[in-house]
N, C-alpha and C. Protein backbone atom coordinates (compact mmCIF):
# COMPACT_ATOMS: atom_id res chain seq x y z
N UNK A 1 -149.73 -174.19 44.20
CA UNK A 1 -150.69 -173.71 45.17
C UNK A 1 -152.04 -174.43 45.04
N UNK A 2 -152.40 -174.81 43.82
CA UNK A 2 -153.67 -175.53 43.64
C UNK A 2 -153.63 -176.85 44.40
N UNK A 3 -152.53 -177.54 44.32
CA UNK A 3 -152.40 -178.81 45.04
C UNK A 3 -152.38 -178.57 46.54
N UNK A 4 -151.67 -177.54 46.97
CA UNK A 4 -151.63 -177.21 48.40
C UNK A 4 -153.04 -176.92 48.91
N UNK A 5 -153.85 -176.22 48.12
CA UNK A 5 -155.22 -175.93 48.53
C UNK A 5 -156.06 -177.19 48.62
N UNK A 6 -155.89 -178.10 47.67
CA UNK A 6 -156.65 -179.35 47.71
C UNK A 6 -156.31 -180.15 48.95
N UNK A 7 -155.05 -180.15 49.34
CA UNK A 7 -154.64 -180.86 50.55
C UNK A 7 -155.18 -180.14 51.79
N UNK A 8 -155.01 -178.84 51.80
CA UNK A 8 -155.32 -178.05 52.98
C UNK A 8 -156.82 -177.92 53.23
N UNK A 9 -157.59 -177.61 52.21
CA UNK A 9 -159.01 -177.30 52.40
C UNK A 9 -159.94 -178.48 52.15
N UNK A 10 -159.48 -179.46 51.36
CA UNK A 10 -160.39 -180.53 50.98
C UNK A 10 -159.91 -181.91 51.40
N UNK A 11 -158.81 -181.95 52.13
CA UNK A 11 -158.28 -183.21 52.66
C UNK A 11 -158.01 -184.26 51.57
N UNK A 12 -157.65 -183.80 50.37
CA UNK A 12 -157.26 -184.75 49.33
C UNK A 12 -155.88 -185.31 49.66
N UNK A 13 -155.65 -186.54 49.27
CA UNK A 13 -154.30 -187.11 49.37
C UNK A 13 -153.44 -186.45 48.30
N UNK A 14 -152.15 -186.36 48.54
CA UNK A 14 -151.26 -185.69 47.59
C UNK A 14 -151.36 -186.30 46.20
N UNK A 15 -151.30 -187.62 46.09
CA UNK A 15 -151.33 -188.26 44.77
C UNK A 15 -152.62 -187.97 44.02
N UNK A 16 -153.73 -187.91 44.74
CA UNK A 16 -155.02 -187.60 44.12
C UNK A 16 -155.01 -186.15 43.62
N UNK A 17 -154.56 -185.24 44.47
CA UNK A 17 -154.50 -183.83 44.09
C UNK A 17 -153.55 -183.63 42.91
N UNK A 18 -152.42 -184.30 42.93
CA UNK A 18 -151.46 -184.19 41.83
C UNK A 18 -152.10 -184.66 40.52
N UNK A 19 -152.80 -185.78 40.57
CA UNK A 19 -153.45 -186.29 39.36
C UNK A 19 -154.51 -185.32 38.85
N UNK A 20 -155.34 -184.80 39.75
CA UNK A 20 -156.40 -183.87 39.35
C UNK A 20 -155.82 -182.60 38.72
N UNK A 21 -154.83 -182.04 39.35
CA UNK A 21 -154.23 -180.80 38.84
C UNK A 21 -153.48 -181.06 37.54
N UNK A 22 -152.78 -182.16 37.45
CA UNK A 22 -152.04 -182.49 36.23
C UNK A 22 -153.01 -182.68 35.06
N UNK A 23 -154.10 -183.40 35.29
CA UNK A 23 -155.09 -183.60 34.22
C UNK A 23 -155.69 -182.27 33.79
N UNK A 24 -156.01 -181.41 34.74
CA UNK A 24 -156.54 -180.09 34.41
C UNK A 24 -155.54 -179.24 33.65
N UNK A 25 -154.28 -179.31 34.06
CA UNK A 25 -153.23 -178.55 33.38
C UNK A 25 -153.08 -179.00 31.94
N UNK A 26 -153.15 -180.30 31.72
CA UNK A 26 -153.04 -180.83 30.35
C UNK A 26 -154.22 -180.36 29.49
N UNK A 27 -155.40 -180.32 30.06
CA UNK A 27 -156.58 -179.82 29.32
C UNK A 27 -156.38 -178.35 28.95
N UNK A 28 -155.83 -177.57 29.85
CA UNK A 28 -155.60 -176.15 29.55
C UNK A 28 -154.57 -175.99 28.44
N UNK A 29 -153.55 -176.81 28.45
CA UNK A 29 -152.55 -176.77 27.37
C UNK A 29 -153.22 -177.06 26.04
N UNK A 30 -154.07 -178.08 26.01
CA UNK A 30 -154.77 -178.43 24.78
C UNK A 30 -155.67 -177.30 24.30
N UNK A 31 -156.33 -176.63 25.21
CA UNK A 31 -157.22 -175.53 24.84
C UNK A 31 -156.48 -174.38 24.16
N UNK A 32 -155.23 -174.17 24.51
CA UNK A 32 -154.48 -173.07 23.90
C UNK A 32 -154.26 -173.29 22.41
N UNK A 33 -154.35 -174.51 21.95
CA UNK A 33 -154.16 -174.80 20.54
C UNK A 33 -155.44 -174.72 19.73
N UNK A 34 -156.57 -174.46 20.37
CA UNK A 34 -157.85 -174.49 19.68
C UNK A 34 -158.38 -173.14 19.26
N UNK A 35 -157.60 -172.12 19.32
CA UNK A 35 -158.07 -170.79 18.95
C UNK A 35 -157.74 -169.79 20.04
N UNK A 36 -158.32 -168.61 19.92
CA UNK A 36 -158.00 -167.56 20.91
C UNK A 36 -158.38 -168.00 22.32
N UNK A 37 -157.55 -167.66 23.26
CA UNK A 37 -157.87 -167.94 24.66
C UNK A 37 -157.42 -166.76 25.51
N UNK A 38 -158.02 -166.68 26.66
CA UNK A 38 -157.69 -165.62 27.61
C UNK A 38 -157.05 -166.29 28.82
N UNK A 39 -155.90 -165.83 29.20
CA UNK A 39 -155.19 -166.41 30.34
C UNK A 39 -155.25 -165.43 31.50
N UNK A 40 -155.78 -165.92 32.61
CA UNK A 40 -155.85 -165.14 33.85
C UNK A 40 -155.03 -165.87 34.89
N UNK A 41 -154.09 -165.19 35.50
CA UNK A 41 -153.20 -165.81 36.48
C UNK A 41 -153.64 -165.45 37.90
N UNK A 42 -153.93 -166.48 38.66
CA UNK A 42 -154.37 -166.28 40.05
C UNK A 42 -153.37 -165.42 40.81
N UNK A 43 -152.09 -165.70 40.59
CA UNK A 43 -151.06 -164.96 41.35
C UNK A 43 -151.02 -163.48 40.98
N UNK A 44 -151.67 -163.07 39.90
CA UNK A 44 -151.79 -161.65 39.56
C UNK A 44 -153.03 -161.03 40.19
N UNK A 45 -153.77 -161.85 40.92
CA UNK A 45 -154.96 -161.42 41.65
C UNK A 45 -155.99 -160.75 40.74
N UNK A 46 -156.18 -161.31 39.55
CA UNK A 46 -157.11 -160.76 38.57
C UNK A 46 -158.52 -160.61 39.14
N UNK A 47 -158.89 -161.46 40.05
CA UNK A 47 -160.24 -161.49 40.62
C UNK A 47 -160.54 -160.29 41.49
N UNK A 48 -159.52 -159.55 41.88
CA UNK A 48 -159.73 -158.37 42.71
C UNK A 48 -160.05 -157.13 41.88
N UNK A 49 -159.78 -157.16 40.60
CA UNK A 49 -159.90 -155.97 39.76
C UNK A 49 -161.20 -155.97 38.95
N UNK A 50 -161.93 -154.88 39.02
CA UNK A 50 -163.16 -154.76 38.24
C UNK A 50 -162.83 -154.81 36.74
N UNK A 51 -161.65 -154.37 36.37
CA UNK A 51 -161.26 -154.38 34.95
C UNK A 51 -161.27 -155.80 34.37
N UNK A 52 -161.07 -156.79 35.21
CA UNK A 52 -161.09 -158.17 34.74
C UNK A 52 -162.45 -158.52 34.14
N UNK A 53 -163.52 -158.09 34.78
CA UNK A 53 -164.86 -158.38 34.27
C UNK A 53 -165.02 -157.74 32.89
N UNK A 54 -164.55 -156.52 32.74
CA UNK A 54 -164.61 -155.83 31.45
C UNK A 54 -163.77 -156.54 30.40
N UNK A 55 -162.58 -157.00 30.79
CA UNK A 55 -161.69 -157.71 29.86
C UNK A 55 -162.33 -159.03 29.39
N UNK A 56 -163.01 -159.72 30.30
CA UNK A 56 -163.68 -160.97 29.93
C UNK A 56 -164.84 -160.66 28.97
N UNK A 57 -165.61 -159.64 29.29
CA UNK A 57 -166.72 -159.26 28.41
C UNK A 57 -166.19 -158.91 27.02
N UNK A 58 -165.13 -158.12 26.96
CA UNK A 58 -164.53 -157.76 25.67
C UNK A 58 -164.07 -159.00 24.91
N UNK A 59 -163.42 -159.91 25.61
CA UNK A 59 -162.93 -161.14 24.98
C UNK A 59 -164.08 -161.94 24.38
N UNK A 60 -165.22 -161.93 25.07
CA UNK A 60 -166.40 -162.66 24.60
C UNK A 60 -167.22 -161.87 23.58
N UNK A 61 -166.82 -160.62 23.36
CA UNK A 61 -167.55 -159.78 22.41
C UNK A 61 -168.87 -159.28 22.95
N UNK A 62 -168.96 -159.12 24.26
CA UNK A 62 -170.18 -158.67 24.92
C UNK A 62 -169.97 -157.24 25.42
N UNK A 63 -170.89 -156.39 25.10
CA UNK A 63 -170.85 -155.00 25.60
C UNK A 63 -171.79 -154.87 26.78
N UNK A 64 -171.25 -154.45 27.91
CA UNK A 64 -172.05 -154.30 29.12
C UNK A 64 -171.88 -152.90 29.68
N UNK A 65 -172.96 -152.35 30.23
CA UNK A 65 -172.83 -151.05 30.88
C UNK A 65 -171.90 -151.16 32.11
N UNK A 66 -171.27 -150.06 32.42
CA UNK A 66 -170.31 -150.02 33.54
C UNK A 66 -170.96 -150.52 34.84
N UNK A 67 -172.21 -150.15 35.08
CA UNK A 67 -172.88 -150.58 36.32
C UNK A 67 -173.07 -152.10 36.35
N UNK A 68 -173.33 -152.71 35.22
CA UNK A 68 -173.48 -154.17 35.17
C UNK A 68 -172.15 -154.84 35.47
N UNK A 69 -171.08 -154.30 34.90
CA UNK A 69 -169.73 -154.83 35.19
C UNK A 69 -169.44 -154.73 36.68
N UNK A 70 -169.77 -153.59 37.27
CA UNK A 70 -169.53 -153.38 38.70
C UNK A 70 -170.37 -154.34 39.54
N UNK A 71 -171.63 -154.57 39.14
CA UNK A 71 -172.51 -155.48 39.88
C UNK A 71 -171.96 -156.91 39.84
N UNK A 72 -171.51 -157.33 38.67
CA UNK A 72 -170.92 -158.67 38.54
C UNK A 72 -169.70 -158.79 39.42
N UNK A 73 -168.83 -157.78 39.37
CA UNK A 73 -167.62 -157.81 40.19
C UNK A 73 -167.95 -157.88 41.68
N UNK A 74 -168.89 -157.06 42.11
CA UNK A 74 -169.29 -157.08 43.54
C UNK A 74 -169.86 -158.43 43.93
N UNK A 75 -170.63 -159.04 43.05
CA UNK A 75 -171.29 -160.31 43.38
C UNK A 75 -170.30 -161.46 43.52
N UNK A 76 -169.11 -161.29 42.98
CA UNK A 76 -168.12 -162.37 43.02
C UNK A 76 -166.99 -162.12 44.02
N UNK A 77 -167.13 -161.10 44.83
CA UNK A 77 -166.13 -160.86 45.88
C UNK A 77 -166.18 -162.03 46.87
N UNK A 78 -165.04 -162.42 47.40
CA UNK A 78 -164.98 -163.60 48.28
C UNK A 78 -166.00 -163.61 49.41
N UNK A 79 -166.20 -162.47 50.07
CA UNK A 79 -167.15 -162.44 51.18
C UNK A 79 -168.59 -162.68 50.71
N UNK A 80 -168.93 -162.17 49.52
CA UNK A 80 -170.28 -162.41 48.96
C UNK A 80 -170.45 -163.88 48.59
N UNK A 81 -169.44 -164.44 47.94
CA UNK A 81 -169.50 -165.85 47.55
C UNK A 81 -169.60 -166.72 48.80
N UNK A 82 -168.82 -166.41 49.82
CA UNK A 82 -168.89 -167.19 51.07
C UNK A 82 -170.29 -167.16 51.67
N UNK A 83 -170.91 -165.99 51.67
CA UNK A 83 -172.28 -165.88 52.22
C UNK A 83 -173.27 -166.69 51.38
N UNK A 84 -173.10 -166.66 50.07
CA UNK A 84 -174.01 -167.43 49.21
C UNK A 84 -173.79 -168.93 49.42
N UNK A 85 -172.56 -169.33 49.64
CA UNK A 85 -172.28 -170.75 49.92
C UNK A 85 -172.93 -171.17 51.23
N UNK A 86 -172.85 -170.31 52.24
CA UNK A 86 -173.51 -170.60 53.51
C UNK A 86 -175.02 -170.78 53.32
N UNK A 87 -175.61 -169.94 52.49
CA UNK A 87 -177.04 -170.06 52.18
C UNK A 87 -177.32 -171.37 51.46
N UNK A 88 -176.48 -171.72 50.50
CA UNK A 88 -176.64 -172.99 49.78
C UNK A 88 -176.55 -174.17 50.76
N UNK A 89 -175.63 -174.09 51.72
CA UNK A 89 -175.49 -175.15 52.71
C UNK A 89 -176.76 -175.28 53.54
N UNK A 90 -177.30 -174.15 54.01
CA UNK A 90 -178.52 -174.18 54.81
C UNK A 90 -179.68 -174.79 54.02
N UNK A 91 -179.70 -174.56 52.71
CA UNK A 91 -180.77 -175.08 51.87
C UNK A 91 -180.52 -176.52 51.42
N UNK A 92 -179.38 -177.09 51.80
CA UNK A 92 -179.09 -178.48 51.48
C UNK A 92 -178.58 -178.72 50.06
N UNK A 93 -178.07 -177.67 49.42
CA UNK A 93 -177.60 -177.79 48.02
C UNK A 93 -176.43 -178.76 47.86
N UNK A 94 -175.72 -179.04 48.94
CA UNK A 94 -174.55 -179.92 48.86
C UNK A 94 -174.86 -181.34 49.35
N UNK A 95 -176.14 -181.59 49.58
CA UNK A 95 -176.55 -182.91 50.05
C UNK A 95 -176.64 -182.97 51.56
N UNK A 96 -177.11 -184.13 52.04
CA UNK A 96 -177.30 -184.31 53.47
C UNK A 96 -175.98 -184.42 54.21
N UNK A 97 -175.01 -185.05 53.57
CA UNK A 97 -173.68 -185.22 54.17
C UNK A 97 -172.62 -184.76 53.18
N UNK A 98 -172.39 -183.43 53.09
CA UNK A 98 -171.44 -182.92 52.11
C UNK A 98 -170.03 -183.48 52.32
N UNK A 99 -169.38 -183.76 51.21
CA UNK A 99 -167.98 -184.19 51.23
C UNK A 99 -167.15 -183.13 50.51
N UNK A 100 -165.86 -183.37 50.42
CA UNK A 100 -165.00 -182.41 49.73
C UNK A 100 -165.31 -182.36 48.23
N UNK A 101 -166.05 -183.33 47.73
CA UNK A 101 -166.41 -183.35 46.31
C UNK A 101 -167.83 -182.84 46.05
N UNK A 102 -168.54 -182.41 47.07
CA UNK A 102 -169.90 -181.89 46.90
C UNK A 102 -169.84 -180.49 46.30
N UNK A 103 -170.78 -180.19 45.40
CA UNK A 103 -170.85 -178.85 44.82
C UNK A 103 -172.27 -178.56 44.38
N UNK A 104 -172.56 -177.28 44.22
CA UNK A 104 -173.85 -176.84 43.72
C UNK A 104 -173.81 -176.92 42.19
N UNK A 105 -174.73 -177.66 41.57
CA UNK A 105 -174.67 -177.84 40.12
C UNK A 105 -174.81 -176.55 39.32
N UNK A 106 -175.49 -175.55 39.85
CA UNK A 106 -175.67 -174.30 39.11
C UNK A 106 -174.41 -173.44 39.11
N UNK A 107 -173.79 -173.28 40.28
CA UNK A 107 -172.63 -172.39 40.39
C UNK A 107 -171.29 -173.13 40.35
N UNK A 108 -171.32 -174.41 40.67
CA UNK A 108 -170.12 -175.23 40.86
C UNK A 108 -169.32 -174.80 42.08
N UNK A 109 -169.94 -174.00 42.94
CA UNK A 109 -169.31 -173.66 44.21
C UNK A 109 -169.52 -174.82 45.17
N UNK A 110 -168.63 -174.94 46.12
CA UNK A 110 -168.67 -176.03 47.09
C UNK A 110 -168.23 -175.52 48.44
N UNK A 111 -168.58 -176.25 49.51
CA UNK A 111 -168.08 -175.83 50.83
C UNK A 111 -166.55 -175.75 50.77
N UNK A 112 -166.00 -174.71 51.26
CA UNK A 112 -164.56 -174.54 51.19
C UNK A 112 -164.08 -173.88 49.92
N UNK A 113 -165.00 -173.46 49.06
CA UNK A 113 -164.64 -172.90 47.75
C UNK A 113 -163.74 -171.67 47.89
N UNK A 114 -164.06 -170.81 48.83
CA UNK A 114 -163.29 -169.59 49.01
C UNK A 114 -162.16 -169.88 49.99
N UNK A 115 -160.95 -169.75 49.50
CA UNK A 115 -159.78 -170.04 50.34
C UNK A 115 -159.21 -168.80 50.98
N UNK A 116 -157.98 -168.93 51.42
CA UNK A 116 -157.32 -167.83 52.12
C UNK A 116 -156.66 -166.82 51.18
N UNK A 117 -156.60 -167.12 49.89
CA UNK A 117 -156.02 -166.19 48.92
C UNK A 117 -154.51 -166.11 48.94
N UNK A 118 -153.88 -166.91 49.78
CA UNK A 118 -152.42 -166.87 49.87
C UNK A 118 -151.79 -167.42 48.60
N UNK A 119 -150.73 -166.77 48.17
CA UNK A 119 -149.99 -167.19 46.99
C UNK A 119 -148.61 -167.65 47.47
N UNK A 120 -148.18 -168.79 46.97
CA UNK A 120 -146.88 -169.33 47.37
C UNK A 120 -146.96 -170.28 48.56
N UNK A 121 -148.16 -170.65 48.96
CA UNK A 121 -148.31 -171.51 50.15
C UNK A 121 -147.76 -172.91 49.93
N UNK A 122 -147.61 -173.30 48.67
CA UNK A 122 -147.07 -174.64 48.38
C UNK A 122 -145.76 -174.86 49.10
N UNK A 123 -144.97 -173.78 49.27
CA UNK A 123 -143.64 -173.93 49.86
C UNK A 123 -143.69 -174.30 51.35
N UNK A 124 -144.83 -174.06 52.00
CA UNK A 124 -144.94 -174.43 53.41
C UNK A 124 -145.80 -175.68 53.60
N UNK A 125 -146.48 -176.12 52.55
CA UNK A 125 -147.38 -177.26 52.67
C UNK A 125 -146.81 -178.51 51.99
N UNK A 126 -146.17 -178.33 50.85
CA UNK A 126 -145.61 -179.47 50.11
C UNK A 126 -144.15 -179.69 50.47
N UNK A 127 -143.77 -180.94 50.61
CA UNK A 127 -142.36 -181.26 50.86
C UNK A 127 -141.56 -180.99 49.58
N UNK A 128 -140.25 -180.97 49.70
CA UNK A 128 -139.38 -180.77 48.53
C UNK A 128 -139.63 -181.86 47.49
N UNK A 129 -139.79 -183.09 47.95
CA UNK A 129 -140.05 -184.20 47.03
C UNK A 129 -141.39 -184.00 46.31
N UNK A 130 -142.41 -183.57 47.03
CA UNK A 130 -143.71 -183.31 46.41
C UNK A 130 -143.60 -182.17 45.40
N UNK A 131 -142.86 -181.13 45.75
CA UNK A 131 -142.68 -180.01 44.83
C UNK A 131 -142.00 -180.47 43.54
N UNK A 132 -141.01 -181.35 43.67
CA UNK A 132 -140.34 -181.88 42.47
C UNK A 132 -141.31 -182.71 41.63
N UNK A 133 -142.16 -183.49 42.27
CA UNK A 133 -143.16 -184.28 41.54
C UNK A 133 -144.09 -183.38 40.75
N UNK A 134 -144.54 -182.31 41.37
CA UNK A 134 -145.43 -181.36 40.70
C UNK A 134 -144.71 -180.75 39.50
N UNK A 135 -143.47 -180.36 39.69
CA UNK A 135 -142.69 -179.75 38.60
C UNK A 135 -142.55 -180.71 37.43
N UNK A 136 -142.25 -181.96 37.72
CA UNK A 136 -142.11 -182.96 36.63
C UNK A 136 -143.43 -183.18 35.90
N UNK A 137 -144.49 -183.35 36.67
CA UNK A 137 -145.79 -183.70 36.08
C UNK A 137 -146.44 -182.55 35.31
N UNK A 138 -146.06 -181.32 35.64
CA UNK A 138 -146.69 -180.16 34.99
C UNK A 138 -145.72 -179.39 34.10
N UNK A 139 -144.65 -180.04 33.68
CA UNK A 139 -143.61 -179.36 32.89
C UNK A 139 -144.17 -178.71 31.62
N UNK A 140 -145.02 -179.43 30.90
CA UNK A 140 -145.56 -178.88 29.65
C UNK A 140 -146.43 -177.65 29.94
N UNK A 141 -147.26 -177.74 30.95
CA UNK A 141 -148.09 -176.60 31.36
C UNK A 141 -147.21 -175.40 31.69
N UNK A 142 -146.17 -175.62 32.48
CA UNK A 142 -145.28 -174.53 32.89
C UNK A 142 -144.62 -173.88 31.67
N UNK A 143 -144.22 -174.70 30.73
CA UNK A 143 -143.57 -174.19 29.52
C UNK A 143 -144.55 -173.34 28.70
N UNK A 144 -145.76 -173.87 28.47
CA UNK A 144 -146.75 -173.17 27.64
C UNK A 144 -147.19 -171.86 28.28
N UNK A 145 -147.34 -171.83 29.60
CA UNK A 145 -147.86 -170.64 30.27
C UNK A 145 -146.77 -169.76 30.90
N UNK A 146 -145.51 -170.08 30.62
CA UNK A 146 -144.42 -169.20 31.04
C UNK A 146 -144.05 -169.24 32.50
N UNK A 147 -144.24 -170.38 33.14
CA UNK A 147 -143.80 -170.53 34.52
C UNK A 147 -142.43 -171.17 34.52
N UNK A 148 -141.60 -170.76 35.45
CA UNK A 148 -140.30 -171.42 35.55
C UNK A 148 -140.23 -172.14 36.90
N UNK A 149 -139.81 -173.36 36.84
CA UNK A 149 -139.71 -174.16 38.06
C UNK A 149 -138.33 -173.98 38.65
N UNK A 150 -138.29 -173.41 39.81
CA UNK A 150 -137.01 -173.26 40.50
C UNK A 150 -136.78 -174.41 41.46
N UNK A 151 -135.84 -174.21 42.34
CA UNK A 151 -135.59 -175.21 43.37
C UNK A 151 -136.75 -175.23 44.33
N UNK A 152 -137.05 -176.41 44.91
CA UNK A 152 -138.09 -176.48 45.94
C UNK A 152 -137.81 -175.48 47.05
N UNK A 153 -138.88 -174.89 47.59
CA UNK A 153 -138.72 -173.90 48.65
C UNK A 153 -139.40 -174.39 49.91
N UNK A 154 -139.03 -173.77 51.01
CA UNK A 154 -139.74 -173.96 52.27
C UNK A 154 -139.56 -175.33 52.88
N UNK A 155 -140.68 -175.96 53.13
CA UNK A 155 -140.73 -177.25 53.83
C UNK A 155 -139.78 -178.23 53.17
N UNK A 156 -138.82 -178.73 53.90
CA UNK A 156 -137.78 -179.58 53.32
C UNK A 156 -137.84 -181.04 53.75
N UNK A 157 -138.94 -181.45 54.36
CA UNK A 157 -139.05 -182.88 54.69
C UNK A 157 -139.48 -183.62 53.46
N UNK A 158 -139.09 -184.87 53.35
CA UNK A 158 -139.45 -185.65 52.15
C UNK A 158 -140.55 -186.63 52.43
């Protein structure tokens, strides 16, 4: 889905998106060997639950009042982030001619940052051949994080 989003929202070429995601996946695998880590799965929609903010604070050893946790959670809801991105755009935070690689240095948010939230969209955006390439290139990541690669789904053009 990460690759599908890069193609869909940022007009990246498949090979570029595959390289970016593969490199990121390898970094995440390496991080798991460096000590305790917290794994949050997008497909579990962790970002929708206020408990996630509390779990992150606990993992970091930070005690926060319930209202602070709620405020953080509210501030990161997609509609709030989208509005803040629109404000950043009006203020020129992404430059005079923003590209798909433009971002705000403070937040690392960028135009198009908030997507549609769909899970499994890769099956309608990536061809079977592209899906197989992703599976091959991210095999170690899938193994470490407990993903199983099945047969390509959906779009069957090569």
